[in-house]
Structure formats: structure tokens, C-alpha cells
Full PDB file with SEQRES, HELIX, SHEET, SSBOND, CRYST1, ORIGX, SCALE, CONECT and MASTER records, all heavy atoms in Angstrom:
SEQRES   1 A   42  HIS ASN PRO ILE VAL TRP PHE GLU ILE TYR VAL ASP ASP          
SEQRES   2 A   42  ILE ALA ARG ALA LYS SER PHE TYR GLU ASN VAL LEU GLN          
SEQRES   3 A   42  ILE THR LEU THR SER LEU LEU ASP PRO THR GLU GLU ASN          
SEQRES   4 A   42  GLU SER SER                                                  
HELIX    1 AA1 ILE A   14  LEU A   25  1                                  12    
CRYST1    1.000    1.000    1.000  90.00  90.00  90.00 P 1           1          
ORIGX1      1.000000  0.000000  0.000000        0.00000                         
ORIGX2      0.000000  1.000000  0.000000        0.00000                         
ORIGX3      0.000000  0.000000  1.000000        0.00000                         
SCALE1      1.000000  0.000000  0.000000        0.00000                         
SCALE2      0.000000  1.000000  0.000000        0.00000                         
SCALE3      0.000000  0.000000  1.000000        0.00000                         
ATOM      1  N   HIS A   1     143.431  20.556  20.997  1.00  0.00           N  
ATOM      2  CA  HIS A   1     143.959  21.542  20.058  1.00  0.00           C  
ATOM      3  C   HIS A   1     143.395  22.929  20.397  1.00  0.00           C  
ATOM      4  O   HIS A   1     142.446  23.042  21.155  1.00  0.00           O  
ATOM      5  CB  HIS A   1     143.589  21.167  18.624  1.00  0.00           C  
ATOM      6  CG  HIS A   1     142.101  21.125  18.402  1.00  0.00           C  
ATOM      7  ND1 HIS A   1     141.332  20.052  18.777  1.00  0.00           N  
ATOM      8  CD2 HIS A   1     141.246  22.032  17.884  1.00  0.00           C  
ATOM      9  CE1 HIS A   1     140.062  20.301  18.477  1.00  0.00           C  
ATOM     10  NE2 HIS A   1     139.983  21.502  17.945  1.00  0.00           N  
ATOM     11  N   ASN A   2     144.018  23.952  19.832  1.00  0.00           N  
ATOM     12  CA  ASN A   2     143.511  25.302  20.049  1.00  0.00           C  
ATOM     13  C   ASN A   2     142.194  25.467  19.293  1.00  0.00           C  
ATOM     14  O   ASN A   2     142.090  25.074  18.127  1.00  0.00           O  
ATOM     15  CB  ASN A   2     144.509  26.337  19.557  1.00  0.00           C  
ATOM     16  CG  ASN A   2     145.756  26.362  20.427  1.00  0.00           C  
ATOM     17  OD1 ASN A   2     145.675  26.130  21.620  1.00  0.00           O  
ATOM     18  ND2 ASN A   2     146.892  26.634  19.818  1.00  0.00           N  
ATOM     19  N   PRO A   3     141.165  26.043  19.921  1.00  0.00           N  
ATOM     20  CA  PRO A   3     139.856  26.129  19.286  1.00  0.00           C  
ATOM     21  C   PRO A   3     139.757  27.183  18.180  1.00  0.00           C  
ATOM     22  O   PRO A   3     138.849  27.127  17.368  1.00  0.00           O  
ATOM     23  CB  PRO A   3     138.917  26.472  20.439  1.00  0.00           C  
ATOM     24  CG  PRO A   3     139.772  27.159  21.432  1.00  0.00           C  
ATOM     25  CD  PRO A   3     141.128  26.538  21.300  1.00  0.00           C  
ATOM     26  N   ILE A   4     140.665  28.138  18.137  1.00  0.00           N  
ATOM     27  CA  ILE A   4     140.617  29.172  17.107  1.00  0.00           C  
ATOM     28  C   ILE A   4     141.509  28.753  15.948  1.00  0.00           C  
ATOM     29  O   ILE A   4     142.690  28.467  16.133  1.00  0.00           O  
ATOM     30  CB  ILE A   4     141.089  30.531  17.657  1.00  0.00           C  
ATOM     31  CG1 ILE A   4     140.302  30.927  18.894  1.00  0.00           C  
ATOM     32  CG2 ILE A   4     141.033  31.606  16.580  1.00  0.00           C  
ATOM     33  CD1 ILE A   4     138.812  31.108  18.669  1.00  0.00           C  
ATOM     34  N   VAL A   5     140.953  28.750  14.748  1.00  0.00           N  
ATOM     35  CA  VAL A   5     141.742  28.357  13.581  1.00  0.00           C  
ATOM     36  C   VAL A   5     141.970  29.516  12.617  1.00  0.00           C  
ATOM     37  O   VAL A   5     142.824  29.440  11.743  1.00  0.00           O  
ATOM     38  CB  VAL A   5     141.097  27.186  12.811  1.00  0.00           C  
ATOM     39  CG1 VAL A   5     141.037  25.945  13.680  1.00  0.00           C  
ATOM     40  CG2 VAL A   5     139.722  27.555  12.294  1.00  0.00           C  
ATOM     41  N   TRP A   6     141.206  30.610  12.767  1.00  0.00           N  
ATOM     42  CA  TRP A   6     141.335  31.726  11.835  1.00  0.00           C  
ATOM     43  C   TRP A   6     140.647  32.929  12.443  1.00  0.00           C  
ATOM     44  O   TRP A   6     139.712  32.782  13.234  1.00  0.00           O  
ATOM     45  CB  TRP A   6     140.661  31.377  10.510  1.00  0.00           C  
ATOM     46  CG  TRP A   6     140.833  32.405   9.437  1.00  0.00           C  
ATOM     47  CD1 TRP A   6     139.889  33.299   9.009  1.00  0.00           C  
ATOM     48  CD2 TRP A   6     141.983  32.660   8.652  1.00  0.00           C  
ATOM     49  NE1 TRP A   6     140.389  34.089   8.009  1.00  0.00           N  
ATOM     50  CE2 TRP A   6     141.688  33.712   7.763  1.00  0.00           C  
ATOM     51  CE3 TRP A   6     143.266  32.101   8.617  1.00  0.00           C  
ATOM     52  CZ2 TRP A   6     142.604  34.215   6.851  1.00  0.00           C  
ATOM     53  CZ3 TRP A   6     144.179  32.597   7.701  1.00  0.00           C  
ATOM     54  CH2 TRP A   6     143.846  33.632   6.827  1.00  0.00           C  
ATOM     55  N   PHE A   7     141.096  34.125  12.107  1.00  0.00           N  
ATOM     56  CA  PHE A   7     140.386  35.336  12.506  1.00  0.00           C  
ATOM     57  C   PHE A   7     140.412  36.316  11.348  1.00  0.00           C  
ATOM     58  O   PHE A   7     141.269  36.228  10.470  1.00  0.00           O  
ATOM     59  CB  PHE A   7     140.975  35.967  13.777  1.00  0.00           C  
ATOM     60  CG  PHE A   7     142.353  36.553  13.599  1.00  0.00           C  
ATOM     61  CD1 PHE A   7     142.522  37.847  13.121  1.00  0.00           C  
ATOM     62  CD2 PHE A   7     143.477  35.814  13.921  1.00  0.00           C  
ATOM     63  CE1 PHE A   7     143.788  38.388  12.963  1.00  0.00           C  
ATOM     64  CE2 PHE A   7     144.750  36.339  13.765  1.00  0.00           C  
ATOM     65  CZ  PHE A   7     144.904  37.640  13.278  1.00  0.00           C  
ATOM     66  N   GLU A   8     139.465  37.212  11.335  1.00  0.00           N  
ATOM     67  CA  GLU A   8     139.410  38.277  10.343  1.00  0.00           C  
ATOM     68  C   GLU A   8     139.093  39.584  11.058  1.00  0.00           C  
ATOM     69  O   GLU A   8     138.243  39.612  11.956  1.00  0.00           O  
ATOM     70  CB  GLU A   8     138.335  38.011   9.286  1.00  0.00           C  
ATOM     71  CG  GLU A   8     138.652  36.784   8.460  1.00  0.00           C  
ATOM     72  CD  GLU A   8     137.585  36.435   7.439  1.00  0.00           C  
ATOM     73  OE1 GLU A   8     136.463  36.991   7.496  1.00  0.00           O  
ATOM     74  OE2 GLU A   8     137.876  35.588   6.584  1.00  0.00           O  
ATOM     75  N   ILE A   9     139.797  40.633  10.687  1.00  0.00           N  
ATOM     76  CA  ILE A   9     139.561  41.964  11.218  1.00  0.00           C  
ATOM     77  C   ILE A   9     139.041  42.795  10.052  1.00  0.00           C  
ATOM     78  O   ILE A   9     139.775  43.055   9.091  1.00  0.00           O  
ATOM     79  CB  ILE A   9     140.854  42.583  11.791  1.00  0.00           C  
ATOM     80  CG1 ILE A   9     141.417  41.706  12.919  1.00  0.00           C  
ATOM     81  CG2 ILE A   9     140.593  44.013  12.256  1.00  0.00           C  
ATOM     82  CD1 ILE A   9     142.793  42.132  13.405  1.00  0.00           C  
ATOM     83  N   TYR A  10     137.785  43.192  10.111  1.00  0.00           N  
ATOM     84  CA  TYR A  10     137.187  43.935   9.007  1.00  0.00           C  
ATOM     85  C   TYR A  10     137.612  45.405   9.057  1.00  0.00           C  
ATOM     86  O   TYR A  10     137.625  46.022  10.122  1.00  0.00           O  
ATOM     87  CB  TYR A  10     135.666  43.787   9.034  1.00  0.00           C  
ATOM     88  CG  TYR A  10     135.277  42.443   8.461  1.00  0.00           C  
ATOM     89  CD1 TYR A  10     135.424  41.284   9.209  1.00  0.00           C  
ATOM     90  CD2 TYR A  10     134.827  42.337   7.155  1.00  0.00           C  
ATOM     91  CE1 TYR A  10     135.119  40.046   8.677  1.00  0.00           C  
ATOM     92  CE2 TYR A  10     134.513  41.103   6.613  1.00  0.00           C  
ATOM     93  CZ  TYR A  10     134.659  39.961   7.378  1.00  0.00           C  
ATOM     94  OH  TYR A  10     134.372  38.732   6.845  1.00  0.00           O  
ATOM     95  N   VAL A  11     137.963  45.930   7.892  1.00  0.00           N  
ATOM     96  CA  VAL A  11     138.497  47.278   7.770  1.00  0.00           C  
ATOM     97  C   VAL A  11     137.816  48.013   6.618  1.00  0.00           C  
ATOM     98  O   VAL A  11     137.282  47.391   5.706  1.00  0.00           O  
ATOM     99  CB  VAL A  11     140.031  47.251   7.561  1.00  0.00           C  
ATOM    100  CG1 VAL A  11     140.716  46.528   8.725  1.00  0.00           C  
ATOM    101  CG2 VAL A  11     140.417  46.586   6.254  1.00  0.00           C  
ATOM    102  N   ASP A  12     137.845  49.345   6.680  1.00  0.00           N  
ATOM    103  CA  ASP A  12     137.303  50.154   5.593  1.00  0.00           C  
ATOM    104  C   ASP A  12     138.389  50.559   4.605  1.00  0.00           C  
ATOM    105  O   ASP A  12     138.179  50.554   3.401  1.00  0.00           O  
ATOM    106  CB  ASP A  12     136.622  51.406   6.148  1.00  0.00           C  
ATOM    107  CG  ASP A  12     135.381  51.062   6.959  1.00  0.00           C  
ATOM    108  OD1 ASP A  12     134.660  50.119   6.580  1.00  0.00           O  
ATOM    109  OD2 ASP A  12     135.146  51.733   7.978  1.00  0.00           O  
ATOM    110  N   ASP A  13     139.559  50.918   5.100  1.00  0.00           N  
ATOM    111  CA  ASP A  13     140.676  51.339   4.254  1.00  0.00           C  
ATOM    112  C   ASP A  13     141.787  50.310   4.409  1.00  0.00           C  
ATOM    113  O   ASP A  13     142.584  50.368   5.347  1.00  0.00           O  
ATOM    114  CB  ASP A  13     141.135  52.733   4.673  1.00  0.00           C  
ATOM    115  CG  ASP A  13     142.217  53.305   3.773  1.00  0.00           C  
ATOM    116  OD1 ASP A  13     143.031  52.525   3.232  1.00  0.00           O  
ATOM    117  OD2 ASP A  13     142.241  54.538   3.624  1.00  0.00           O  
ATOM    118  N   ILE A  14     141.823  49.349   3.497  1.00  0.00           N  
ATOM    119  CA  ILE A  14     142.738  48.211   3.631  1.00  0.00           C  
ATOM    120  C   ILE A  14     144.212  48.634   3.598  1.00  0.00           C  
ATOM    121  O   ILE A  14     145.021  48.102   4.342  1.00  0.00           O  
ATOM    122  CB  ILE A  14     142.429  47.112   2.575  1.00  0.00           C  
ATOM    123  CG1 ILE A  14     143.133  45.790   2.928  1.00  0.00           C  
ATOM    124  CG2 ILE A  14     142.782  47.548   1.183  1.00  0.00           C  
ATOM    125  CD1 ILE A  14     142.283  44.796   3.603  1.00  0.00           C  
ATOM    126  N   ALA A  15     144.561  49.611   2.775  1.00  0.00           N  
ATOM    127  CA  ALA A  15     145.956  50.057   2.706  1.00  0.00           C  
ATOM    128  C   ALA A  15     146.380  50.711   4.023  1.00  0.00           C  
ATOM    129  O   ALA A  15     147.477  50.461   4.526  1.00  0.00           O  
ATOM    130  CB  ALA A  15     146.148  51.023   1.535  1.00  0.00           C  
ATOM    131  N   ARG A  16     145.501  51.530   4.585  1.00  0.00           N  
ATOM    132  CA  ARG A  16     145.795  52.206   5.855  1.00  0.00           C  
ATOM    133  C   ARG A  16     145.923  51.173   6.979  1.00  0.00           C  
ATOM    134  O   ARG A  16     146.850  51.225   7.781  1.00  0.00           O  
ATOM    135  CB  ARG A  16     144.693  53.211   6.155  1.00  0.00           C  
ATOM    136  CG  ARG A  16     144.850  53.949   7.470  1.00  0.00           C  
ATOM    137  CD  ARG A  16     143.743  54.960   7.689  1.00  0.00           C  
ATOM    138  NE  ARG A  16     142.438  54.292   7.794  1.00  0.00           N  
ATOM    139  CZ  ARG A  16     141.274  54.914   7.625  1.00  0.00           C  
ATOM    140  NH1 ARG A  16     141.235  56.200   7.330  1.00  0.00           N  
ATOM    141  NH2 ARG A  16     140.142  54.254   7.759  1.00  0.00           N  
ATOM    142  N   ALA A  17     145.007  50.217   7.033  1.00  0.00           N  
ATOM    143  CA  ALA A  17     145.041  49.191   8.076  1.00  0.00           C  
ATOM    144  C   ALA A  17     146.276  48.305   7.930  1.00  0.00           C  
ATOM    145  O   ALA A  17     146.927  47.950   8.922  1.00  0.00           O  
ATOM    146  CB  ALA A  17     143.777  48.349   8.034  1.00  0.00           C  
ATOM    147  N   LYS A  18     146.621  47.941   6.703  1.00  0.00           N  
ATOM    148  CA  LYS A  18     147.810  47.120   6.452  1.00  0.00           C  
ATOM    149  C   LYS A  18     149.053  47.837   6.967  1.00  0.00           C  
ATOM    150  O   LYS A  18     149.881  47.253   7.670  1.00  0.00           O  
ATOM    151  CB  LYS A  18     147.937  46.819   4.954  1.00  0.00           C  
ATOM    152  CG  LYS A  18     149.147  45.999   4.574  1.00  0.00           C  
ATOM    153  CD  LYS A  18     149.132  45.731   3.055  1.00  0.00           C  
ATOM    154  CE  LYS A  18     150.287  44.888   2.601  1.00  0.00           C  
ATOM    155  NZ  LYS A  18     151.567  45.621   2.578  1.00  0.00           N  
ATOM    156  N   SER A  19     149.166  49.120   6.668  1.00  0.00           N  
ATOM    157  CA  SER A  19     150.304  49.908   7.128  1.00  0.00           C  
ATOM    158  C   SER A  19     150.354  49.960   8.652  1.00  0.00           C  
ATOM    159  O   SER A  19     151.417  49.817   9.261  1.00  0.00           O  
ATOM    160  CB  SER A  19     150.216  51.318   6.548  1.00  0.00           C  
ATOM    161  OG  SER A  19     151.255  52.122   7.058  1.00  0.00           O  
ATOM    162  N   PHE A  20     149.202  50.144   9.297  1.00  0.00           N  
ATOM    163  CA  PHE A  20     149.140  50.202  10.759  1.00  0.00           C  
ATOM    164  C   PHE A  20     149.696  48.920  11.380  1.00  0.00           C  
ATOM    165  O   PHE A  20     150.595  48.956  12.221  1.00  0.00           O  
ATOM    166  CB  PHE A  20     147.695  50.428  11.220  1.00  0.00           C  
ATOM    167  CG  PHE A  20     147.527  50.361  12.717  1.00  0.00           C  
ATOM    168  CD1 PHE A  20     147.813  51.465  13.511  1.00  0.00           C  
ATOM    169  CD2 PHE A  20     147.090  49.204  13.336  1.00  0.00           C  
ATOM    170  CE1 PHE A  20     147.665  51.409  14.893  1.00  0.00           C  
ATOM    171  CE2 PHE A  20     146.933  49.139  14.712  1.00  0.00           C  
ATOM    172  CZ  PHE A  20     147.226  50.248  15.487  1.00  0.00           C  
ATOM    173  N   TYR A  21     149.178  47.767  10.982  1.00  0.00           N  
ATOM    174  CA  TYR A  21     149.610  46.502  11.592  1.00  0.00           C  
ATOM    175  C   TYR A  21     151.057  46.177  11.254  1.00  0.00           C  
ATOM    176  O   TYR A  21     151.794  45.674  12.101  1.00  0.00           O  
ATOM    177  CB  TYR A  21     148.670  45.360  11.199  1.00  0.00           C  
ATOM    178  CG  TYR A  21     147.366  45.437  11.948  1.00  0.00           C  
ATOM    179  CD1 TYR A  21     146.233  46.008  11.377  1.00  0.00           C  
ATOM    180  CD2 TYR A  21     147.263  44.975  13.258  1.00  0.00           C  
ATOM    181  CE1 TYR A  21     145.042  46.108  12.079  1.00  0.00           C  
ATOM    182  CE2 TYR A  21     146.075  45.068  13.973  1.00  0.00           C  
ATOM    183  CZ  TYR A  21     144.972  45.639  13.369  1.00  0.00           C  
ATOM    184  OH  TYR A  21     143.798  45.736  14.074  1.00  0.00           O  
ATOM    185  N   GLU A  22     151.486  46.468  10.040  1.00  0.00           N  
ATOM    186  CA  GLU A  22     152.881  46.217   9.692  1.00  0.00           C  
ATOM    187  C   GLU A  22     153.817  47.089  10.520  1.00  0.00           C  
ATOM    188  O   GLU A  22     154.862  46.617  10.972  1.00  0.00           O  
ATOM    189  CB  GLU A  22     153.101  46.450   8.193  1.00  0.00           C  
ATOM    190  CG  GLU A  22     152.500  45.364   7.339  1.00  0.00           C  
ATOM    191  CD  GLU A  22     152.705  45.548   5.852  1.00  0.00           C  
ATOM    192  OE1 GLU A  22     152.877  46.704   5.392  1.00  0.00           O  
ATOM    193  OE2 GLU A  22     152.684  44.533   5.135  1.00  0.00           O  
ATOM    194  N   ASN A  23     153.446  48.342  10.746  1.00  0.00           N  
ATOM    195  CA  ASN A  23     154.296  49.241  11.535  1.00  0.00           C  
ATOM    196  C   ASN A  23     154.292  48.905  13.012  1.00  0.00           C  
ATOM    197  O   ASN A  23     155.339  48.873  13.653  1.00  0.00           O  
ATOM    198  CB  ASN A  23     153.865  50.700  11.319  1.00  0.00           C  
ATOM    199  CG  ASN A  23     154.384  51.240  10.013  1.00  0.00           C  
ATOM    200  OD1 ASN A  23     155.582  51.267   9.798  1.00  0.00           O  
ATOM    201  ND2 ASN A  23     153.486  51.635   9.138  1.00  0.00           N  
ATOM    202  N   VAL A  24     153.134  48.649  13.591  1.00  0.00           N  
ATOM    203  CA  VAL A  24     153.053  48.371  15.028  1.00  0.00           C  
ATOM    204  C   VAL A  24     153.684  47.027  15.364  1.00  0.00           C  
ATOM    205  O   VAL A  24     154.466  46.910  16.313  1.00  0.00           O  
ATOM    206  CB  VAL A  24     151.592  48.428  15.522  1.00  0.00           C  
ATOM    207  CG1 VAL A  24     151.471  47.905  16.955  1.00  0.00           C  
ATOM    208  CG2 VAL A  24     151.049  49.857  15.430  1.00  0.00           C  
ATOM    209  N   LEU A  25     153.367  45.981  14.598  1.00  0.00           N  
ATOM    210  CA  LEU A  25     153.852  44.634  14.907  1.00  0.00           C  
ATOM    211  C   LEU A  25     155.179  44.293  14.230  1.00  0.00           C  
ATOM    212  O   LEU A  25     155.755  43.242  14.505  1.00  0.00           O  
ATOM    213  CB  LEU A  25     152.794  43.596  14.521  1.00  0.00           C  
ATOM    214  CG  LEU A  25     151.449  43.732  15.242  1.00  0.00           C  
ATOM    215  CD1 LEU A  25     150.444  42.728  14.675  1.00  0.00           C  
ATOM    216  CD2 LEU A  25     151.608  43.564  16.742  1.00  0.00           C  
ATOM    217  N   GLN A  26     155.657  45.183  13.329  1.00  0.00           N  
ATOM    218  CA  GLN A  26     156.908  44.946  12.598  1.00  0.00           C  
ATOM    219  C   GLN A  26     156.868  43.615  11.851  1.00  0.00           C  
ATOM    220  O   GLN A  26     157.748  42.757  11.994  1.00  0.00           O  
ATOM    221  CB  GLN A  26     158.111  45.012  13.545  1.00  0.00           C  
ATOM    222  CG  GLN A  26     158.282  46.368  14.210  1.00  0.00           C  
ATOM    223  CD  GLN A  26     158.726  47.451  13.250  1.00  0.00           C  
ATOM    224  OE1 GLN A  26     159.877  47.473  12.868  1.00  0.00           O  
ATOM    225  NE2 GLN A  26     157.809  48.337  12.855  1.00  0.00           N  
ATOM    226  N   ILE A  27     155.805  43.423  11.054  1.00  0.00           N  
ATOM    227  CA  ILE A  27     155.586  42.224  10.256  1.00  0.00           C  
ATOM    228  C   ILE A  27     155.241  42.634   8.832  1.00  0.00           C  
ATOM    229  O   ILE A  27     155.055  43.821   8.555  1.00  0.00           O  
ATOM    230  CB  ILE A  27     154.429  41.361  10.818  1.00  0.00           C  
ATOM    231  CG1 ILE A  27     153.130  42.194  10.872  1.00  0.00           C  
ATOM    232  CG2 ILE A  27     154.792  40.788  12.187  1.00  0.00           C  
ATOM    233  CD1 ILE A  27     151.892  41.403  11.217  1.00  0.00           C  
ATOM    234  N   THR A  28     155.142  41.660   7.942  1.00  0.00           N  
ATOM    235  CA  THR A  28     154.693  41.902   6.576  1.00  0.00           C  
ATOM    236  C   THR A  28     153.443  41.070   6.323  1.00  0.00           C  
ATOM    237  O   THR A  28     153.453  39.854   6.526  1.00  0.00           O  
ATOM    238  CB  THR A  28     155.795  41.507   5.560  1.00  0.00           C  
ATOM    239  OG1 THR A  28     156.959  42.293   5.839  1.00  0.00           O  
ATOM    240  CG2 THR A  28     155.336  41.748   4.136  1.00  0.00           C  
ATOM    241  N   LEU A  29     152.374  41.728   5.913  1.00  0.00           N  
ATOM    242  CA  LEU A  29     151.150  41.030   5.536  1.00  0.00           C  
ATOM    243  C   LEU A  29     151.219  40.715   4.049  1.00  0.00           C  
ATOM    244  O   LEU A  29     151.779  41.497   3.269  1.00  0.00           O  
ATOM    245  CB  LEU A  29     149.919  41.890   5.840  1.00  0.00           C  
ATOM    246  CG  LEU A  29     149.485  41.904   7.304  1.00  0.00           C  
ATOM    247  CD1 LEU A  29     150.377  42.795   8.130  1.00  0.00           C  
ATOM    248  CD2 LEU A  29     148.059  42.335   7.421  1.00  0.00           C  
ATOM    249  N   THR A  30     150.658  39.567   3.661  1.00  0.00           N  
ATOM    250  CA  THR A  30     150.702  39.160   2.256  1.00  0.00           C  
ATOM    251  C   THR A  30     149.297  39.069   1.675  1.00  0.00           C  
ATOM    252  O   THR A  30     148.347  38.695   2.366  1.00  0.00           O  
ATOM    253  CB  THR A  30     151.400  37.799   2.097  1.00  0.00           C  
ATOM    254  OG1 THR A  30     150.753  36.836   2.929  1.00  0.00           O  
ATOM    255  CG2 THR A  30     152.864  37.880   2.494  1.00  0.00           C  
ATOM    256  N   SER A  31     149.189  39.392   0.413  1.00  0.00           N  
ATOM    257  CA  SER A  31     147.907  39.377  -0.276  1.00  0.00           C  
ATOM    258  C   SER A  31     147.372  37.953  -0.395  1.00  0.00           C  
ATOM    259  O   SER A  31     148.115  37.019  -0.687  1.00  0.00           O  
ATOM    260  CB  SER A  31     148.076  39.982  -1.670  1.00  0.00           C  
ATOM    261  OG  SER A  31     146.850  40.007  -2.345  1.00  0.00           O  
ATOM    262  N   LEU A  32     146.066  37.797  -0.163  1.00  0.00           N  
ATOM    263  CA  LEU A  32     145.391  36.508  -0.342  1.00  0.00           C  
ATOM    264  C   LEU A  32     144.371  36.637  -1.463  1.00  0.00           C  
ATOM    265  O   LEU A  32     143.728  37.677  -1.611  1.00  0.00           O  
ATOM    266  CB  LEU A  32     144.626  36.102   0.924  1.00  0.00           C  
ATOM    267  CG  LEU A  32     145.403  35.645   2.123  1.00  0.00           C  
ATOM    268  CD1 LEU A  32     144.446  35.289   3.256  1.00  0.00           C  
ATOM    269  CD2 LEU A  32     146.260  34.450   1.794  1.00  0.00           C  
ATOM    270  N   LEU A  33     144.195  35.576  -2.214  1.00  0.00           N  
ATOM    271  CA  LEU A  33     143.155  35.550  -3.234  1.00  0.00           C  
ATOM    272  C   LEU A  33     141.805  35.353  -2.580  1.00  0.00           C  
ATOM    273  O   LEU A  33     141.689  34.750  -1.517  1.00  0.00           O  
ATOM    274  CB  LEU A  33     143.418  34.425  -4.231  1.00  0.00           C  
ATOM    275  CG  LEU A  33     144.708  34.535  -5.040  1.00  0.00           C  
ATOM    276  CD1 LEU A  33     144.890  33.299  -5.913  1.00  0.00           C  
ATOM    277  CD2 LEU A  33     144.708  35.794  -5.890  1.00  0.00           C  
ATOM    278  N   ASP A  34     140.752  35.831  -3.223  1.00  0.00           N  
ATOM    279  CA  ASP A  34     139.387  35.653  -2.736  1.00  0.00           C  
ATOM    280  C   ASP A  34     139.081  34.157  -2.704  1.00  0.00           C  
ATOM    281  O   ASP A  34     139.095  33.498  -3.738  1.00  0.00           O  
ATOM    282  CB  ASP A  34     138.424  36.389  -3.663  1.00  0.00           C  
ATOM    283  CG  ASP A  34     136.978  36.299  -3.225  1.00  0.00           C  
ATOM    284  OD1 ASP A  34     136.656  35.477  -2.343  1.00  0.00           O  
ATOM    285  OD2 ASP A  34     136.170  37.042  -3.777  1.00  0.00           O  
ATOM    286  N   PRO A  35     138.804  33.584  -1.518  1.00  0.00           N  
ATOM    287  CA  PRO A  35     138.565  32.145  -1.425  1.00  0.00           C  
ATOM    288  C   PRO A  35     137.265  31.692  -2.079  1.00  0.00           C  
ATOM    289  O   PRO A  35     137.086  30.505  -2.324  1.00  0.00           O  
ATOM    290  CB  PRO A  35     138.535  31.883   0.078  1.00  0.00           C  
ATOM    291  CG  PRO A  35     138.179  33.182   0.684  1.00  0.00           C  
ATOM    292  CD  PRO A  35     138.740  34.244  -0.230  1.00  0.00           C  
ATOM    293  N   THR A  36     136.379  32.618  -2.396  1.00  0.00           N  
ATOM    294  CA  THR A  36     135.120  32.234  -3.034  1.00  0.00           C  
ATOM    295  C   THR A  36     135.267  32.116  -4.548  1.00  0.00           C  
ATOM    296  O   THR A  36     134.355  31.678  -5.222  1.00  0.00           O  
ATOM    297  CB  THR A  36     134.005  33.252  -2.726  1.00  0.00           C  
ATOM    298  OG1 THR A  36     134.358  34.525  -3.286  1.00  0.00           O  
ATOM    299  CG2 THR A  36     133.784  33.373  -1.232  1.00  0.00           C  
ATOM    300  N   GLU A  37     136.425  32.554  -5.056  1.00  0.00           N  
ATOM    301  CA  GLU A  37     136.741  32.469  -6.484  1.00  0.00           C  
ATOM    302  C   GLU A  37     135.764  33.233  -7.374  1.00  0.00           C  
ATOM    303  O   GLU A  37     135.630  32.944  -8.558  1.00  0.00           O  
ATOM    304  CB  GLU A  37     136.853  31.018  -6.938  1.00  0.00           C  
ATOM    305  CG  GLU A  37     137.947  30.260  -6.205  1.00  0.00           C  
ATOM    306  CD  GLU A  37     138.061  28.815  -6.624  1.00  0.00           C  
ATOM    307  OE1 GLU A  37     137.546  28.444  -7.688  1.00  0.00           O  
ATOM    308  OE2 GLU A  37     138.678  28.062  -5.878  1.00  0.00           O  
ATOM    309  N   GLU A  38     135.077  34.223  -6.825  1.00  0.00           N  
ATOM    310  CA  GLU A  38     134.201  35.057  -7.631  1.00  0.00           C  
ATOM    311  C   GLU A  38     135.061  36.064  -8.379  1.00  0.00           C  
ATOM    312  O   GLU A  38     135.855  36.771  -7.792  1.00  0.00           O  
ATOM    313  CB  GLU A  38     133.188  35.786  -6.746  1.00  0.00           C  
ATOM    314  CG  GLU A  38     132.226  34.851  -6.062  1.00  0.00           C  
ATOM    315  CD  GLU A  38     131.278  35.601  -5.127  1.00  0.00           C  
ATOM    316  OE1 GLU A  38     131.178  36.829  -5.216  1.00  0.00           O  
ATOM    317  OE2 GLU A  38     130.656  34.915  -4.307  1.00  0.00           O  
ATOM    318  N   ASN A  39     134.901  36.124  -9.686  1.00  0.00           N  
ATOM    319  CA  ASN A  39     135.734  36.994 -10.509  1.00  0.00           C  
ATOM    320  C   ASN A  39     135.520  38.474 -10.229  1.00  0.00           C  
ATOM    321  O   ASN A  39     136.434  39.271 -10.350  1.00  0.00           O  
ATOM    322  CB  ASN A  39     135.494  36.718 -11.999  1.00  0.00           C  
ATOM    323  CG  ASN A  39     136.003  35.340 -12.394  1.00  0.00           C  
ATOM    324  OD1 ASN A  39     136.934  34.833 -11.796  1.00  0.00           O  
ATOM    325  ND2 ASN A  39     135.393  34.744 -13.390  1.00  0.00           N  
ATOM    326  N   GLU A  40     134.320  38.869  -9.857  1.00  0.00           N  
ATOM    327  CA  GLU A  40     134.045  40.280  -9.660  1.00  0.00           C  
ATOM    328  C   GLU A  40     133.783  40.607  -8.183  1.00  0.00           C  
ATOM    329  O   GLU A  40     133.023  41.505  -7.874  1.00  0.00           O  
ATOM    330  CB  GLU A  40     132.869  40.696 -10.533  1.00  0.00           C  
ATOM    331  CG  GLU A  40     133.188  40.527 -12.013  1.00  0.00           C  
ATOM    332  CD  GLU A  40     132.133  41.122 -12.916  1.00  0.00           C  
ATOM    333  OE1 GLU A  40     131.474  42.097 -12.514  1.00  0.00           O  
ATOM    334  OE2 GLU A  40     131.982  40.611 -14.023  1.00  0.00           O  
ATOM    335  N   SER A  41     134.442  39.920  -7.295  1.00  0.00           N  
ATOM    336  CA  SER A  41     134.260  40.131  -5.863  1.00  0.00           C  
ATOM    337  C   SER A  41     134.896  41.442  -5.432  1.00  0.00           C  
ATOM    338  O   SER A  41     135.902  41.876  -5.982  1.00  0.00           O  
ATOM    339  CB  SER A  41     134.891  38.978  -5.084  1.00  0.00           C  
ATOM    340  OG  SER A  41     134.846  39.241  -3.711  1.00  0.00           O  
ATOM    341  N   SER A  42     134.303  42.064  -4.419  1.00  0.00           N  
ATOM    342  CA  SER A  42     134.862  43.290  -3.850  1.00  0.00           C  
ATOM    343  C   SER A  42     135.758  42.970  -2.654  1.00  0.00           C  
ATOM    344  O   SER A  42     136.165  43.866  -1.936  1.00  0.00           O  
ATOM    345  CB  SER A  42     133.727  44.205  -3.407  1.00  0.00           C  
ATOM    346  OG  SER A  42     132.992  43.592  -2.363  1.00  0.00           O  
TER     347      SER A  42                                                      
MASTER        0    0    0    1    0    0    0    6  346    1    0    4          
END                                                                             
């Protein structure tokens, strides 16, 4: 199987980064819930 199962690209301005990848790759990114389920997570 492929050894990579997930990747994360850390960003400072999430809206700006989302716009960049959507425009360059012509895709739509979707919001994910915090997997740690912490109510006050940043």
C-alpha cells in the first residue's frame, strides 16, 4: 500500500491559503471539525 495516509500544510492565514490552493488547483476545500473534539480549540 502507499505509505502516506495523510498530510497537513500549516498556514498562518487560513482564508488566504484556502483561496490560493482552490485557485491554483481548481478544487474546493471543505471544512473539517477539530478531531480532538476540544470545544475551545484554536
